[in-house]
PDB file of N, CA and C in Angstrom:
ATOM      1  N   MET A   1     -13.059  12.275  22.723  1.00  0.00           N
ATOM      2  CA  MET A   1     -12.329  13.327  22.922  1.00  0.00           C
ATOM      3  C   MET A   1     -11.841  13.604  24.034  1.00  0.00           C
ATOM      4  N   GLU A   2     -11.902  13.336  25.403  1.00  0.00           N
ATOM      5  CA  GLU A   2     -11.555  13.167  26.491  1.00  0.00           C
ATOM      6  C   GLU A   2     -10.017  11.960  26.393  1.00  0.00           C
ATOM      7  N   PHE A   3      -9.974  11.398  26.052  1.00  0.00           N
ATOM      8  CA  PHE A   3      -8.560  10.789  25.569  1.00  0.00           C
ATOM      9  C   PHE A   3      -7.540  11.571  24.706  1.00  0.00           C
ATOM     10  N   VAL A   4      -8.193  11.809  24.170  1.00  0.00           N
ATOM     11  CA  VAL A   4      -7.429  13.132  22.633  1.00  0.00           C
ATOM     12  C   VAL A   4      -6.974  14.039  23.421  1.00  0.00           C
ATOM     13  N   GLU A   5      -7.646  14.696  24.569  1.00  0.00           N
ATOM     14  CA  GLU A   5      -7.499  15.948  25.420  1.00  0.00           C
ATOM     15  C   GLU A   5      -6.443  15.710  26.275  1.00  0.00           C
ATOM     16  N   ALA A   6      -6.537  14.448  26.773  1.00  0.00           N
ATOM     17  CA  ALA A   6      -5.648  14.032  27.774  1.00  0.00           C
ATOM     18  C   ALA A   6      -4.254  14.161  27.302  1.00  0.00           C
ATOM     19  N   ILE A   7      -4.236  13.529  26.247  1.00  0.00           N
ATOM     20  CA  ILE A   7      -2.624  12.730  25.790  1.00  0.00           C
ATOM     21  C   ILE A   7      -2.263  14.451  25.453  1.00  0.00           C
ATOM     22  N   GLU A   8      -3.274  15.504  24.979  1.00  0.00           N
ATOM     23  CA  GLU A   8      -2.824  16.833  24.320  1.00  0.00           C
ATOM     24  C   GLU A   8      -2.387  17.479  25.133  1.00  0.00           C
ATOM     25  N   HIS A   9      -2.877  17.958  26.369  1.00  0.00           N
ATOM     26  CA  HIS A   9      -2.304  18.055  27.622  1.00  0.00           C
ATOM     27  C   HIS A   9      -1.109  17.360  28.154  1.00  0.00           C
ATOM     28  N   LYS A  10      -0.584  16.112  27.770  1.00  0.00           N
ATOM     29  CA  LYS A  10       0.668  15.617  28.901  1.00  0.00           C
ATOM     30  C   LYS A  10       1.539  16.012  27.236  1.00  0.00           C
ATOM     31  N   LEU A  11       1.103  16.481  26.416  1.00  0.00           N
ATOM     32  CA  LEU A  11       2.278  16.301  25.284  1.00  0.00           C
ATOM     33  C   LEU A  11       2.339  18.164  24.917  1.00  0.00           C
ATOM     34  N   GLY A  12       1.420  19.277  25.464  1.00  0.00           N
ATOM     35  CA  GLY A  12       1.918  20.527  25.530  1.00  0.00           C
ATOM     36  C   GLY A  12       1.867  20.561  23.924  1.00  0.00           C
ATOM     37  N   LYS A  13       0.333  19.958  23.355  1.00  0.00           N
ATOM     38  CA  LYS A  13      -0.023  20.469  22.096  1.00  0.00           C
ATOM     39  C   LYS A  13      -0.829  19.745  21.002  1.00  0.00           C
ATOM     40  N   VAL A  14      -1.718  20.352  20.669  1.00  0.00           N
ATOM     41  CA  VAL A  14      -2.588  20.254  20.127  1.00  0.00           C
ATOM     42  C   VAL A  14      -2.889  19.520  18.689  1.00  0.00           C
ATOM     43  N   ALA A  15      -3.880  18.447  18.834  1.00  0.00           N
ATOM     44  CA  ALA A  15      -3.463  17.164  17.889  1.00  0.00           C
ATOM     45  C   ALA A  15      -4.318  18.063  16.763  1.00  0.00           C
ATOM     46  N   LYS A  16      -4.155  17.290  15.592  1.00  0.00           N
ATOM     47  CA  LYS A  16      -4.846  17.887  13.993  1.00  0.00           C
ATOM     48  C   LYS A  16      -6.168  17.211  14.296  1.00  0.00           C
ATOM     49  N   LYS A  17      -7.095  17.191  14.255  1.00  0.00           N
ATOM     50  CA  LYS A  17      -8.610  16.616  13.622  1.00  0.00           C
ATOM     51  C   LYS A  17      -9.301  17.010  12.577  1.00  0.00           C
ATOM     52  N   ASN A  18      -9.640  15.830  12.205  1.00  0.00           N
ATOM     53  CA  ASN A  18     -10.376  16.150  11.158  1.00  0.00           C
ATOM     54  C   ASN A  18     -11.706  15.285  10.846  1.00  0.00           C
ATOM     55  N   TYR A  19     -12.480  16.282  11.540  1.00  0.00           N
ATOM     56  CA  TYR A  19     -13.975  15.547  12.071  1.00  0.00           C
ATOM     57  C   TYR A  19     -14.724  15.090  10.813  1.00  0.00           C
ATOM     58  N   MET A  20     -15.374  13.957  10.800  1.00  0.00           N
ATOM     59  CA  MET A  20     -15.877  13.521   9.305  1.00  0.00           C
ATOM     60  C   MET A  20     -17.591  13.779   9.889  1.00  0.00           C
ATOM     61  N   ASP A  21     -18.185  13.395   8.405  1.00  0.00           N
ATOM     62  CA  ASP A  21     -19.440  14.104   8.777  1.00  0.00           C
ATOM     63  C   ASP A  21     -20.518  12.557  10.141  1.00  0.00           C
ATOM     64  N   LEU A  22     -21.214  12.955  10.455  1.00  0.00           N
ATOM     65  CA  LEU A  22     -22.055  12.164  11.229  1.00  0.00           C
ATOM     66  C   LEU A  22     -22.098  11.006  10.551  1.00  0.00           C
ATOM     67  N   HIS A  23     -22.193  10.467   9.881  1.00  0.00           N
ATOM     68  CA  HIS A  23     -22.217   9.231   9.237  1.00  0.00           C
ATOM     69  C   HIS A  23     -20.911   8.348   9.768  1.00  0.00           C
ATOM     70  N   LEU A  24     -21.531   7.433   9.881  1.00  0.00           N
ATOM     71  CA  LEU A  24     -20.407   6.035  10.335  1.00  0.00           C
ATOM     72  C   LEU A  24     -19.147   5.997   9.340  1.00  0.00           C
ATOM     73  N   GLN A  25     -18.503   5.692   9.522  1.00  0.00           N
ATOM     74  CA  GLN A  25     -17.143   5.414   8.984  1.00  0.00           C
ATOM     75  C   GLN A  25     -16.833   4.086   8.697  1.00  0.00           C
ATOM     76  N   PRO A  26     -16.050   3.657   8.027  1.00  0.00           N
ATOM     77  CA  PRO A  26     -15.261   2.000   8.200  1.00  0.00           C
ATOM     78  C   PRO A  26     -14.848   2.063   9.359  1.00  0.00           C
ATOM     79  N   GLY A  27     -15.355   0.617  10.402  1.00  0.00           N
ATOM     80  CA  GLY A  27     -14.717   0.400  11.494  1.00  0.00           C
ATOM     81  C   GLY A  27     -14.821   0.978  12.609  1.00  0.00           C
ATOM     82  N   ASP A  28     -16.117   1.899  12.660  1.00  0.00           N
ATOM     83  CA  ASP A  28     -16.697   2.778  13.234  1.00  0.00           C
ATOM     84  C   ASP A  28     -17.572   1.469  13.734  1.00  0.00           C
ATOM     85  N   PHE A  29     -18.062   1.998  15.458  1.00  0.00           N
ATOM     86  CA  PHE A  29     -18.669   1.261  15.939  1.00  0.00           C
ATOM     87  C   PHE A  29     -20.348   2.100  16.640  1.00  0.00           C
ATOM     88  N   PRO A  30     -21.113   2.104  16.697  1.00  0.00           N
ATOM     89  CA  PRO A  30     -22.278   2.617  16.506  1.00  0.00           C
ATOM     90  C   PRO A  30     -22.305   3.577  18.050  1.00  0.00           C
ATOM     91  N   GLU A  31     -21.761   2.376  19.291  1.00  0.00           N
ATOM     92  CA  GLU A  31     -21.905   2.406  20.475  1.00  0.00           C
ATOM     93  C   GLU A  31     -20.778   2.043  21.028  1.00  0.00           C
ATOM     94  N   THR A  32     -20.125   2.300  22.288  1.00  0.00           N
ATOM     95  CA  THR A  32     -19.349   1.348  22.937  1.00  0.00           C
ATOM     96  C   THR A  32     -19.405   1.700  24.458  1.00  0.00           C
ATOM     97  N   HIS A  33     -19.147   1.461  25.296  1.00  0.00           N
ATOM     98  CA  HIS A  33     -18.992   1.077  26.829  1.00  0.00           C
ATOM     99  C   HIS A  33     -18.894  -0.004  27.448  1.00  0.00           C
ATOM    100  N   ALA A  34     -17.895   0.097  28.719  1.00  0.00           N
ATOM    101  CA  ALA A  34     -17.572  -0.808  29.596  1.00  0.00           C
ATOM    102  C   ALA A  34     -18.290  -1.330  30.641  1.00  0.00           C
ATOM    103  N   ASN A  35     -18.178  -2.087  30.880  1.00  0.00           N
ATOM    104  CA  ASN A  35     -19.115  -2.496  32.021  1.00  0.00           C
ATOM    105  C   ASN A  35     -17.889  -3.677  32.801  1.00  0.00           C
ATOM    106  N   VAL A  36     -17.472  -3.182  33.896  1.00  0.00           N
ATOM    107  CA  VAL A  36     -16.542  -4.009  34.922  1.00  0.00           C
ATOM    108  C   VAL A  36     -17.543  -4.977  35.979  1.00  0.00           C
ATOM    109  N   TYR A  37     -18.679  -4.793  36.082  1.00  0.00           N
ATOM    110  CA  TYR A  37     -19.133  -5.175  37.093  1.00  0.00           C
ATOM    111  C   TYR A  37     -18.660  -7.231  37.408  1.00  0.00           C
ATOM    112  N   ASP A  38     -18.621  -7.111  36.195  1.00  0.00           N
ATOM    113  CA  ASP A  38     -18.250  -8.997  36.237  1.00  0.00           C
ATOM    114  C   ASP A  38     -17.071  -9.251  37.343  1.00  0.00           C
ATOM    115  N   LEU A  39     -15.765  -8.066  36.639  1.00  0.00           N
ATOM    116  CA  LEU A  39     -14.781  -8.100  37.164  1.00  0.00           C
ATOM    117  C   LEU A  39     -14.952  -7.671  38.760  1.00  0.00           C
ATOM    118  N   TYR A  40     -15.545  -6.939  39.636  1.00  0.00           N
ATOM    119  CA  TYR A  40     -15.689  -6.559  40.309  1.00  0.00           C
ATOM    120  C   TYR A  40     -16.449  -7.687  41.528  1.00  0.00           C
ATOM    121  N   ARG A  41     -17.532  -8.061  40.720  1.00  0.00           N
ATOM    122  CA  ARG A  41     -17.810  -9.474  41.673  1.00  0.00           C
ATOM    123  C   ARG A  41     -18.009 -10.412  41.858  1.00  0.00           C
ATOM    124  N   ASP A  42     -16.983 -11.002  40.479  1.00  0.00           N
ATOM    125  CA  ASP A  42     -15.497 -12.062  41.137  1.00  0.00           C
ATOM    126  C   ASP A  42     -14.559 -11.974  41.761  1.00  0.00           C
ATOM    127  N   ILE A  43     -13.373 -10.974  41.264  1.00  0.00           N
ATOM    128  CA  ILE A  43     -12.409 -10.138  42.241  1.00  0.00           C
ATOM    129  C   ILE A  43     -11.892  -9.672  42.954  1.00  0.00           C
ATOM    130  N   ASP A  44     -13.093  -8.975  42.817  1.00  0.00           N
ATOM    131  CA  ASP A  44     -13.153  -7.428  43.723  1.00  0.00           C
ATOM    132  C   ASP A  44     -12.382  -5.871  43.087  1.00  0.00           C
ATOM    133  N   PHE A  45     -11.918  -6.624  41.894  1.00  0.00           N
ATOM    134  CA  PHE A  45     -11.777  -5.420  40.621  1.00  0.00           C
ATOM    135  C   PHE A  45     -12.865  -4.187  41.232  1.00  0.00           C
ATOM    136  N   LYS A  46     -11.345  -2.928  41.465  1.00  0.00           N
ATOM    137  CA  LYS A  46     -12.336  -1.565  41.098  1.00  0.00           C
ATOM    138  C   LYS A  46     -11.422  -0.306  40.461  1.00  0.00           C
ATOM    139  N   PRO A  47     -11.541  -0.103  39.073  1.00  0.00           N
ATOM    140  CA  PRO A  47     -10.801   0.240  38.320  1.00  0.00           C
ATOM    141  C   PRO A  47     -10.453   1.816  39.200  1.00  0.00           C
ATOM    142  N   GLY A  48      -9.259   2.139  38.706  1.00  0.00           N
ATOM    143  CA  GLY A  48      -8.740   3.479  39.641  1.00  0.00           C
ATOM    144  C   GLY A  48      -8.344   4.714  39.008  1.00  0.00           C
ATOM    145  N   THR A  49      -7.462   4.141  37.422  1.00  0.00           N
ATOM    146  CA  THR A  49      -6.863   5.469  36.766  1.00  0.00           C
ATOM    147  C   THR A  49      -7.518   5.931  36.178  1.00  0.00           C
ATOM    148  N   THR A  50      -7.809   7.303  36.402  1.00  0.00           N
ATOM    149  CA  THR A  50      -8.314   8.287  35.298  1.00  0.00           C
ATOM    150  C   THR A  50      -7.805   8.382  34.245  1.00  0.00           C
ATOM    151  N   ILE A  51      -8.394   8.961  33.035  1.00  0.00           N
ATOM    152  CA  ILE A  51      -8.467   8.923  31.574  1.00  0.00           C
ATOM    153  C   ILE A  51      -7.015   9.852  31.986  1.00  0.00           C
ATOM    154  N   GLN A  52      -7.075  10.933  32.480  1.00  0.00           N
ATOM    155  CA  GLN A  52      -5.108  11.551  32.440  1.00  0.00           C
ATOM    156  C   GLN A  52      -4.564  10.548  32.590  1.00  0.00           C
ATOM    157  N   ASP A  53      -4.664  10.372  34.137  1.00  0.00           N
ATOM    158  CA  ASP A  53      -3.615   9.143  34.411  1.00  0.00           C
ATOM    159  C   ASP A  53      -3.121   8.238  33.840  1.00  0.00           C
ATOM    160  N   GLY A  54      -3.884   7.661  33.364  1.00  0.00           N
ATOM    161  CA  GLY A  54      -3.683   6.572  32.156  1.00  0.00           C
ATOM    162  C   GLY A  54      -3.074   7.373  30.675  1.00  0.00           C
ATOM    163  N   ALA A  55      -3.532   7.985  30.399  1.00  0.00           N
ATOM    164  CA  ALA A  55      -2.856   8.805  29.067  1.00  0.00           C
ATOM    165  C   ALA A  55      -1.401   9.375  29.862  1.00  0.00           C
ATOM    166  N   ASN A  56      -1.203   9.762  30.590  1.00  0.00           N
ATOM    167  CA  ASN A  56       0.315  10.822  31.260  1.00  0.00           C
ATOM    168  C   ASN A  56       1.366   9.331  31.151  1.00  0.00           C
ATOM    169  N   ARG A  57       0.443   8.241  31.212  1.00  0.00           N
ATOM    170  CA  ARG A  57       1.434   7.022  31.775  1.00  0.00           C
ATOM    171  C   ARG A  57       1.162   6.445  30.293  1.00  0.00           C
ATOM    172  N   PHE A  58       0.368   6.369  29.461  1.00  0.00           N
ATOM    173  CA  PHE A  58       0.858   5.579  28.111  1.00  0.00           C
ATOM    174  C   PHE A  58       2.024   6.446  27.360  1.00  0.00           C
ATOM    175  N   VAL A  59       1.760   7.999  27.312  1.00  0.00           N
ATOM    176  CA  VAL A  59       3.260   9.044  26.701  1.00  0.00           C
ATOM    177  C   VAL A  59       4.035   8.793  27.338  1.00  0.00           C
ATOM    178  N   ASP A  60       4.573   8.512  28.710  1.00  0.00           N
ATOM    179  CA  ASP A  60       5.336   8.343  29.116  1.00  0.00           C
ATOM    180  C   ASP A  60       6.379   6.986  28.969  1.00  0.00           C
ATOM    181  N   TRP A  61       5.718   6.182  28.589  1.00  0.00           N
ATOM    182  CA  TRP A  61       5.741   5.145  27.923  1.00  0.00           C
ATOM    183  C   TRP A  61       6.130   4.848  26.485  1.00  0.00           C
ATOM    184  N   TYR A  62       5.471   5.815  25.544  1.00  0.00           N
ATOM    185  CA  TYR A  62       5.562   5.289  24.152  1.00  0.00           C
ATOM    186  C   TYR A  62       6.911   6.469  23.691  1.00  0.00           C
ATOM    187  N   LEU A  63       7.108   7.382  24.601  1.00  0.00           N
ATOM    188  CA  LEU A  63       8.163   7.955  24.027  1.00  0.00           C
ATOM    189  C   LEU A  63       9.447   7.605  24.729  1.00  0.00           C
ATOM    190  N   GLU A  64       9.852   6.870  25.999  1.00  0.00           N
ATOM    191  CA  GLU A  64      10.358   5.806  26.212  1.00  0.00           C
ATOM    192  C   GLU A  64      11.117   4.400  25.407  1.00  0.00           C
ATOM    193  N   TYR A  65       9.645   4.316  25.126  1.00  0.00           N
ATOM    194  CA  TYR A  65       9.952   2.725  24.247  1.00  0.00           C
ATOM    195  C   TYR A  65      10.502   3.426  22.718  1.00  0.00           C
ATOM    196  N   TYR A  66       9.727   4.366  22.205  1.00  0.00           N
ATOM    197  CA  TYR A  66      10.183   4.830  20.563  1.00  0.00           C
ATOM    198  C   TYR A  66      11.400   5.538  20.293  1.00  0.00           C
ATOM    199  N   LYS A  67      12.239   6.036  22.262  1.00  0.00           N
ATOM    200  CA  LYS A  67      12.723   7.199  22.136  1.00  0.00           C
ATOM    201  C   LYS A  67      12.875   8.412  21.243  1.00  0.00           C
TER     202      LYS A  67
END
């Protein structure tokens, strides 16, 4: 939801959300997470982009690309 809220904030609009029941829908994953430890260990990569900054950059790209 944080990603959706970041896009809403960037666009100044509220998304139409269709909340489904608590059961998994086809294609849903029960749990996800990111672990970048190997990248940090191997090449000293430390992610530094916030969700809001990434969403802003994505929306800017999308609007420019699809005009």
